[in-house]
Amino acid sequence: MFDRRLLLHFDWVLLGTICLVAALGILNLYSSTSTWEMGTPVYVKQSYWLCIGLVIALAVCTIDYRHLEYLGFIFYAVNLGLLLFVLLFGKTSMGATRWIDLGFFHLQPSEIMKLVIIITLARYFDERGQVHGHTLGDLKIPFLLLGAPALLIMKQPDLGTAMLVLFIGATMALFAGIRRGTLVLLSIAGGLAAFGGWFLLRDYQKERIRTFLDPERDPLGSGYHIIQSKIAVGSGGFFGKGFMKGTQSQLSFLPERHTDFAFSVFAEEWGFVGSLLLLLIYLFIVFWGIYIARRAADRFGMFLALGVVAMIFWHIVVNLGMVIGLLPVVGVPLPLFSYGGTSMVTTMIGTGLLLNVSMRRFMF
């Protein structure tokens, strides 16, 4: 039964900030796609997804997050099964097999796995705390828990999401504590794995990395996206060109301007000042999430909150790194800002978990 006293501790600051970013994202989508001739406009669809996400986030708040501790490994097994199902019977689009066609909705299990791995690792690190830090032997199970879904997601292929799953798990492990010697060994092993992993990449993935290192080698082909994105970001100047006045986006020079490169549109229209303001709002969300983790009533809640913060943080870092040419283009959306129903709902579920932990910080 829902305790009405929890409403006294509801985190309106977090929810308000999340809605602010989502509203800016919808405004940005209106600017970048308002001239498109289609049925339901993209910005209207995003508004629907935001409303659905809000309802789900509030529903998540009504269930005590501590119940998830006992369901973590069940969720993990089910979602791993869904990832296998995707490889065998999934829907293929643009050369990638990432979805399960449910008729009214295309389910993307790789997105759900981000949340599932957070819950699973939160339980593991809660139950197996090490005062002096984890050794390599202690981390065998987390490695297996991360490796299995990451490999299945890479087979889809979806390198961006696989990287995010690994980044989320690595961040949670760092917060749980790793011995210095073990950390050095892992760093060396990670460097060797990254070098060897080059031979496991597909041709188009290798081409993305080559383009990242030298976009000018194919300015009208593989380098076109990142070159146009950097032009859009740079041309915004200090104060920007104004709402719906960005030439790169309005004249359709910028591809994928409603998804992966949504920030490029915003930077061109609002300039350095607007971009800095947006980044400060994102930074506030990250620090507020860490604040929630520090005040959590138990270790499981702490790791749960840290996992959600890591998910949001790495999405921001990878997407912004993509659009300004600091990282290869791997198809990672900017949370709450880029168009995408699955991404919006996943982020809002994570928000619901943060609200849940925050509301129950005084409940024992």
Protein backbone atom coordinates (compact mmCIF):
# COMPACT_ATOMS: atom_id res chain seq x y z
CA MET A 1 0.00 0.00 0.00
CA PHE A 2 1.30 3.46 -0.95
CA ASP A 3 2.33 5.55 2.05
CA ARG A 4 1.00 9.09 1.58
CA ARG A 5 3.87 10.42 3.69
CA LEU A 6 6.14 9.71 0.75
CA LEU A 7 4.53 12.62 -1.09
CA LEU A 8 6.11 14.97 1.46
CA HIS A 9 9.54 13.86 0.24
CA PHE A 10 8.74 13.84 -3.49
CA ASP A 11 11.67 15.28 -5.45
CA TRP A 12 10.02 18.06 -7.45
CA VAL A 13 13.42 19.58 -8.23
CA LEU A 14 14.56 16.51 -10.18
CA LEU A 15 11.26 16.03 -11.98
CA GLY A 16 11.05 19.73 -12.89
CA THR A 17 14.60 19.76 -14.28
CA ILE A 18 13.97 16.61 -16.31
CA CYS A 19 10.78 18.11 -17.79
CA LEU A 20 12.66 21.33 -18.60
CA VAL A 21 15.24 19.47 -20.69
CA ALA A 22 12.51 17.44 -22.41
CA ALA A 23 10.58 20.63 -23.21
CA LEU A 24 13.71 22.21 -24.72
CA GLY A 25 14.18 19.04 -26.76
CA ILE A 26 10.62 19.21 -28.12
CA LEU A 27 11.10 22.90 -28.99
CA ASN A 28 14.33 21.97 -30.78
CA LEU A 29 12.55 19.19 -32.69
CA TYR A 30 9.88 21.67 -33.77
CA SER A 31 12.58 23.91 -35.21
CA SER A 32 14.42 21.11 -37.02
CA THR A 33 11.41 19.24 -38.46
CA SER A 34 8.50 21.71 -38.75
CA THR A 35 8.93 21.92 -42.54
CA TRP A 36 8.75 18.16 -43.04
CA GLU A 37 5.70 16.87 -44.86
CA MET A 38 4.46 13.85 -42.92
CA GLY A 39 1.51 12.56 -40.92
CA THR A 40 2.03 13.23 -37.23
CA PRO A 41 4.93 15.68 -36.73
CA VAL A 42 8.01 14.39 -34.93
CA TYR A 43 7.74 16.95 -32.13
CA VAL A 44 4.13 15.87 -31.45
CA LYS A 45 5.18 12.21 -31.26
CA GLN A 46 7.96 13.17 -28.86
CA SER A 47 5.39 14.97 -26.69
CA TYR A 48 3.32 11.77 -26.59
CA TRP A 49 6.38 9.75 -25.56
CA LEU A 50 7.19 12.28 -22.84
CA CYS A 51 3.66 11.95 -21.41
CA ILE A 52 3.88 8.15 -21.53
CA GLY A 53 7.30 8.30 -19.88
CA LEU A 54 6.00 10.58 -17.11
CA VAL A 55 3.16 8.18 -16.35
CA ILE A 56 5.59 5.24 -16.21
CA ALA A 57 8.05 7.20 -14.04
CA LEU A 58 5.30 8.07 -11.55
CA ALA A 59 4.14 4.45 -11.57
CA VAL A 60 7.70 3.33 -10.78
CA CYS A 61 7.64 5.69 -7.77
CA THR A 62 4.71 3.83 -6.20
CA ILE A 63 6.66 0.55 -5.89
CA ASP A 64 9.32 0.31 -3.20
CA TYR A 65 12.62 0.05 -5.10
CA ARG A 66 13.88 -2.56 -2.58
CA HIS A 67 11.57 -5.13 -4.17
CA LEU A 68 13.70 -4.86 -7.33
CA GLU A 69 16.67 -6.32 -5.45
CA TYR A 70 15.01 -9.74 -5.43
CA LEU A 71 13.95 -9.51 -9.08
CA GLY A 72 17.24 -8.30 -10.57
CA PHE A 73 18.57 -11.66 -11.76
CA ILE A 74 15.13 -12.69 -13.05
CA PHE A 75 14.97 -9.49 -15.13
CA TYR A 76 18.50 -10.19 -16.34
CA ALA A 77 17.70 -13.75 -17.49
CA VAL A 78 14.50 -12.65 -19.26
CA ASN A 79 16.18 -9.76 -21.06
CA LEU A 80 19.13 -11.92 -22.07
CA GLY A 81 16.58 -14.29 -23.60
CA LEU A 82 15.02 -11.37 -25.47
CA LEU A 83 18.43 -10.39 -26.87
CA LEU A 84 18.88 -13.94 -28.16
CA PHE A 85 15.36 -13.82 -29.64
CA VAL A 86 16.28 -10.58 -31.46
CA LEU A 87 19.26 -12.24 -33.16
CA LEU A 88 17.10 -15.14 -34.33
CA PHE A 89 13.75 -13.55 -35.14
CA GLY A 90 14.19 -9.79 -34.72
CA LYS A 91 13.09 -7.04 -37.09
CA THR A 92 15.85 -5.81 -39.40
CA SER A 93 16.02 -2.18 -40.45
CA MET A 94 18.87 -0.38 -42.25
CA GLY A 95 21.16 -3.39 -41.85
CA ALA A 96 20.65 -3.77 -38.08
CA THR A 97 18.54 -6.33 -36.22
CA ARG A 98 17.63 -4.66 -32.92
CA TRP A 99 13.86 -4.84 -32.51
CA ILE A 100 11.06 -7.26 -31.73
CA ASP A 101 7.97 -6.41 -33.75
CA LEU A 102 4.95 -6.40 -31.41
CA GLY A 103 2.63 -4.92 -34.00
CA PHE A 104 1.74 -1.68 -32.23
CA PHE A 105 5.28 -1.18 -30.92
CA HIS A 106 8.86 -2.20 -31.74
CA LEU A 107 10.55 -3.41 -28.55
CA GLN A 108 14.32 -2.83 -28.30
CA PRO A 109 15.71 -5.17 -25.59
CA SER A 110 19.17 -3.57 -25.75
CA GLU A 111 17.70 -0.34 -24.32
CA ILE A 112 16.00 -2.25 -21.51
CA MET A 113 19.29 -4.00 -20.73
CA LYS A 114 20.78 -0.68 -19.57
CA LEU A 115 18.25 -0.57 -16.75
CA VAL A 116 18.42 -4.30 -16.06
CA ILE A 117 22.21 -4.27 -15.71
CA ILE A 118 21.91 -1.37 -13.24
CA ILE A 119 19.48 -3.34 -11.05
CA THR A 120 21.53 -6.55 -11.31
CA LEU A 121 24.88 -4.96 -10.46
CA ALA A 122 23.30 -2.88 -7.68
CA ARG A 123 22.24 -6.11 -6.01
CA TYR A 124 25.62 -7.75 -6.58
CA PHE A 125 27.65 -4.87 -5.12
CA ASP A 126 25.17 -4.46 -2.26
CA GLU A 127 25.59 -8.08 -1.21
CA ARG A 128 29.34 -8.29 -1.79
CA GLY A 129 30.82 -5.11 -0.40
CA GLN A 130 34.61 -5.11 0.08
CA VAL A 131 36.13 -2.74 2.63
CA HIS A 132 39.53 -2.67 0.90
CA GLY A 133 38.17 -2.75 -2.65
CA HIS A 134 37.39 -5.57 -5.07
CA THR A 135 40.10 -7.82 -6.48
CA LEU A 136 40.17 -9.30 -9.95
CA GLY A 137 38.61 -12.49 -8.58
CA ASP A 138 35.76 -10.52 -6.99
CA LEU A 139 34.93 -8.95 -10.36
CA LYS A 140 34.58 -12.21 -12.31
CA ILE A 141 30.81 -12.33 -11.93
CA PRO A 142 30.29 -8.64 -12.90
CA PHE A 143 32.50 -9.26 -15.97
CA LEU A 144 30.28 -12.18 -17.01
CA LEU A 145 27.10 -10.20 -16.31
CA LEU A 146 28.35 -7.37 -18.52
CA GLY A 147 30.07 -9.44 -21.20
CA ALA A 148 27.14 -11.64 -22.23
CA PRO A 149 24.68 -8.84 -23.13
CA ALA A 150 27.45 -6.64 -24.58
CA LEU A 151 28.45 -9.38 -27.04
CA LEU A 152 24.83 -10.04 -28.03
CA ILE A 153 24.21 -6.33 -28.57
CA MET A 154 27.37 -6.00 -30.69
CA LYS A 155 26.08 -8.86 -32.87
CA GLN A 156 22.96 -6.83 -33.78
CA PRO A 157 25.18 -4.77 -34.53
CA ASP A 158 24.90 -1.86 -32.08
CA LEU A 159 28.35 -0.81 -30.91
CA GLY A 160 27.07 2.36 -29.20
CA THR A 161 24.64 0.60 -26.86
CA ALA A 162 27.15 -2.18 -26.13
CA MET A 163 29.69 0.47 -25.11
CA LEU A 164 27.13 2.17 -22.86
CA VAL A 165 26.31 -1.09 -21.07
CA LEU A 166 30.04 -1.59 -20.39
CA PHE A 167 30.52 2.04 -19.30
CA ILE A 168 27.59 1.83 -16.87
CA GLY A 169 28.93 -1.37 -15.33
CA ALA A 170 32.48 -0.02 -15.11
CA THR A 171 31.28 3.17 -13.40
CA MET A 172 29.31 1.20 -10.81
CA ALA A 173 32.33 -1.03 -10.17
CA LEU A 174 34.56 2.03 -9.63
CA PHE A 175 32.13 3.44 -7.09
CA ALA A 176 31.97 0.03 -5.38
CA GLY A 177 35.76 0.15 -5.02
CA ILE A 178 38.57 -1.55 -6.93
CA ARG A 179 42.04 -2.18 -5.55
CA ARG A 180 44.78 -0.11 -7.14
CA GLY A 181 46.71 -3.08 -8.51
CA THR A 182 43.55 -4.56 -9.98
CA LEU A 183 42.68 -1.22 -11.57
CA VAL A 184 46.09 -1.05 -13.26
CA LEU A 185 45.70 -4.59 -14.62
CA LEU A 186 42.20 -3.81 -15.89
CA SER A 187 43.45 -0.64 -17.61
CA ILE A 188 46.17 -2.59 -19.41
CA ALA A 189 43.74 -5.37 -20.34
CA GLY A 190 41.21 -2.80 -21.59
CA GLY A 191 43.80 -1.17 -23.83
CA LEU A 192 44.82 -4.52 -25.30
CA ALA A 193 41.17 -5.50 -25.77
CA ALA A 194 40.44 -2.23 -27.57
CA PHE A 195 43.39 -2.86 -29.90
CA GLY A 196 42.37 -6.47 -30.55
CA GLY A 197 38.72 -5.51 -30.87
CA TRP A 198 39.52 -3.65 -34.09
CA PHE A 199 39.62 -7.00 -35.92
CA LEU A 200 36.14 -7.89 -34.61
CA LEU A 201 34.51 -4.73 -35.95
CA ARG A 202 32.47 -4.73 -39.13
CA ASP A 203 33.62 -2.75 -42.14
CA TYR A 204 31.21 0.14 -41.59
CA GLN A 205 32.29 0.39 -37.94
CA LYS A 206 35.96 0.56 -38.96
CA GLU A 207 35.01 3.23 -41.48
CA ARG A 208 33.40 5.30 -38.72
CA ILE A 209 36.64 5.23 -36.72
CA ARG A 210 38.71 6.16 -39.79
CA THR A 211 36.29 9.01 -40.46
CA PHE A 212 36.59 10.15 -36.86
CA LEU A 213 40.39 10.32 -37.23
CA ASP A 214 40.21 12.08 -40.61
CA PRO A 215 36.73 13.35 -41.65
CA GLU A 216 38.17 15.13 -44.70
CA ARG A 217 39.23 11.85 -46.33
CA ASP A 218 35.64 11.39 -47.58
CA PRO A 219 33.83 14.74 -47.16
CA LEU A 220 30.83 13.79 -49.31
CA GLY A 221 30.53 10.25 -47.99
CA SER A 222 31.33 8.84 -44.55
CA GLY A 223 32.71 12.17 -43.30
CA TYR A 224 29.68 14.23 -44.36
CA HIS A 225 27.73 13.87 -41.09
CA ILE A 226 30.48 14.99 -38.75
CA ILE A 227 31.71 17.80 -41.05
CA GLN A 228 28.21 19.31 -41.32
CA SER A 229 27.68 18.89 -37.58
CA LYS A 230 30.90 20.77 -36.75
CA ILE A 231 29.95 23.51 -39.20
CA ALA A 232 26.54 23.84 -37.51
CA VAL A 233 27.99 23.98 -34.00
CA GLY A 234 30.73 26.45 -34.98
CA SER A 235 28.48 28.73 -37.03
CA GLY A 236 26.27 29.36 -33.99
CA GLY A 237 28.90 31.70 -32.61
CA PHE A 238 28.40 33.22 -29.18
CA PHE A 239 24.67 33.99 -29.22
CA GLY A 240 23.45 31.80 -32.08
CA LYS A 241 21.51 32.57 -35.25
CA GLY A 242 18.11 32.53 -33.58
CA PHE A 243 15.21 30.10 -33.28
CA MET A 244 14.44 28.40 -36.63
CA LYS A 245 17.15 30.46 -38.35
CA GLY A 246 19.95 27.90 -38.49
CA THR A 247 21.05 27.45 -42.10
CA GLN A 248 22.58 23.98 -41.67
CA SER A 249 19.35 22.54 -40.28
CA GLN A 250 16.72 24.60 -42.11
CA LEU A 251 18.39 24.04 -45.50
CA SER A 252 18.79 20.29 -44.77
CA PHE A 253 22.59 20.21 -44.88
CA LEU A 254 22.65 18.47 -41.48
CA PRO A 255 21.59 14.79 -41.60
CA GLU A 256 19.83 13.07 -38.69
CA ARG A 257 19.14 16.47 -37.16
CA HIS A 258 16.21 15.15 -35.12
CA THR A 259 18.05 12.18 -33.60
CA ASP A 260 21.83 11.85 -33.18
CA PHE A 261 22.63 15.45 -34.17
CA ALA A 262 19.83 17.28 -32.36
CA PHE A 263 22.37 19.17 -30.27
CA SER A 264 24.00 20.53 -33.45
CA VAL A 265 20.71 22.22 -34.35
CA PHE A 266 20.43 23.70 -30.86
CA ALA A 267 24.04 24.94 -30.87
CA GLU A 268 23.58 26.63 -34.24
CA GLU A 269 20.41 28.43 -33.17
CA TRP A 270 21.34 29.34 -29.59
CA GLY A 271 25.12 29.55 -29.81
CA PHE A 272 27.70 29.13 -27.06
CA VAL A 273 25.49 30.77 -24.43
CA GLY A 274 22.50 28.51 -25.08
CA SER A 275 24.67 25.39 -25.33
CA LEU A 276 26.43 26.22 -22.07
CA LEU A 277 23.07 26.70 -20.35
CA LEU A 278 21.85 23.31 -21.59
CA LEU A 279 25.06 21.62 -20.44
CA LEU A 280 24.75 23.24 -17.02
CA ILE A 281 21.22 21.85 -16.70
CA TYR A 282 22.51 18.38 -17.59
CA LEU A 283 25.35 18.83 -15.10
CA PHE A 284 22.83 19.75 -12.43
CA ILE A 285 20.86 16.53 -13.13
CA VAL A 286 24.05 14.45 -12.78
CA PHE A 287 25.09 16.10 -9.51
CA TRP A 288 21.55 15.95 -8.14
CA GLY A 289 21.49 12.22 -8.92
CA ILE A 290 24.76 11.75 -7.02
CA TYR A 291 23.25 13.75 -4.16
CA ILE A 292 20.28 11.34 -4.14
CA ALA A 293 22.68 8.37 -4.09
CA ARG A 294 24.58 9.80 -1.10
CA ARG A 295 21.33 10.21 0.85
CA ALA A 296 19.92 6.77 -0.03
CA ALA A 297 18.58 4.71 2.85
CA ASP A 298 20.65 1.63 1.93
CA ARG A 299 23.50 0.44 -0.27
CA PHE A 300 21.18 -1.05 -2.89
CA GLY A 301 19.44 2.31 -3.32
CA MET A 302 22.80 4.05 -3.53
CA PHE A 303 24.07 1.77 -6.31
CA LEU A 304 20.72 1.96 -8.09
CA ALA A 305 20.88 5.77 -8.17
CA LEU A 306 24.55 5.76 -9.22
CA GLY A 307 23.75 3.38 -12.08
CA VAL A 308 21.00 5.65 -13.42
CA VAL A 309 23.31 8.69 -13.13
CA ALA A 310 26.02 6.77 -15.01
CA MET A 311 23.53 5.89 -17.77
CA ILE A 312 22.51 9.53 -18.24
CA PHE A 313 26.09 10.81 -17.93
CA TRP A 314 27.59 8.49 -20.54
CA HIS A 315 24.76 9.17 -22.99
CA ILE A 316 25.53 12.88 -22.73
CA VAL A 317 29.31 12.43 -23.04
CA VAL A 318 29.17 10.07 -26.02
CA ASN A 319 26.53 12.06 -27.94
CA LEU A 320 28.25 15.43 -27.45
CA GLY A 321 31.59 13.83 -28.29
CA MET A 322 30.04 12.59 -31.54
CA VAL A 323 28.55 15.90 -32.69
CA ILE A 324 31.74 17.93 -32.14
CA GLY A 325 34.11 15.33 -33.56
CA LEU A 326 35.78 14.12 -30.36
CA LEU A 327 34.35 10.60 -30.65
CA PRO A 328 33.31 8.36 -33.56
CA VAL A 329 29.66 8.44 -34.61
CA VAL A 330 28.07 5.40 -32.91
CA GLY A 331 24.38 6.33 -32.93
CA VAL A 332 23.88 7.29 -29.27
CA PRO A 333 21.00 9.75 -28.64
CA LEU A 334 21.15 12.75 -26.30
CA PRO A 335 18.82 11.80 -23.40
CA LEU A 336 15.47 13.65 -23.31
CA PHE A 337 16.59 15.75 -26.28
CA SER A 338 16.97 13.51 -29.32
CA TYR A 339 13.84 12.04 -30.90
CA GLY A 340 13.10 8.45 -29.94
CA GLY A 341 10.35 6.74 -28.01
CA THR A 342 12.46 3.94 -26.57
CA SER A 343 15.19 6.33 -25.44
CA MET A 344 12.65 8.68 -23.84
CA VAL A 345 10.85 5.89 -21.96
CA THR A 346 14.14 4.33 -20.79
CA THR A 347 15.37 7.67 -19.45
CA MET A 348 12.03 8.33 -17.73
CA ILE A 349 12.10 4.90 -16.07
CA GLY A 350 15.58 5.77 -14.80
CA THR A 351 14.16 9.07 -13.54
CA GLY A 352 11.42 7.13 -11.77
CA LEU A 353 14.06 5.02 -10.02
CA LEU A 354 15.90 8.16 -8.88
CA LEU A 355 12.64 9.64 -7.56
CA ASN A 356 11.90 6.33 -5.84
CA VAL A 357 15.23 6.26 -4.01
CA SER A 358 14.92 9.93 -3.08
CA MET A 359 11.37 9.57 -1.70
CA ARG A 360 12.27 6.63 0.51
CA ARG A 361 15.49 7.98 2.01
CA PHE A 362 13.73 8.25 5.41
CA MET A 363 12.00 4.85 5.18
CA PHE A 364 13.76 1.95 6.90
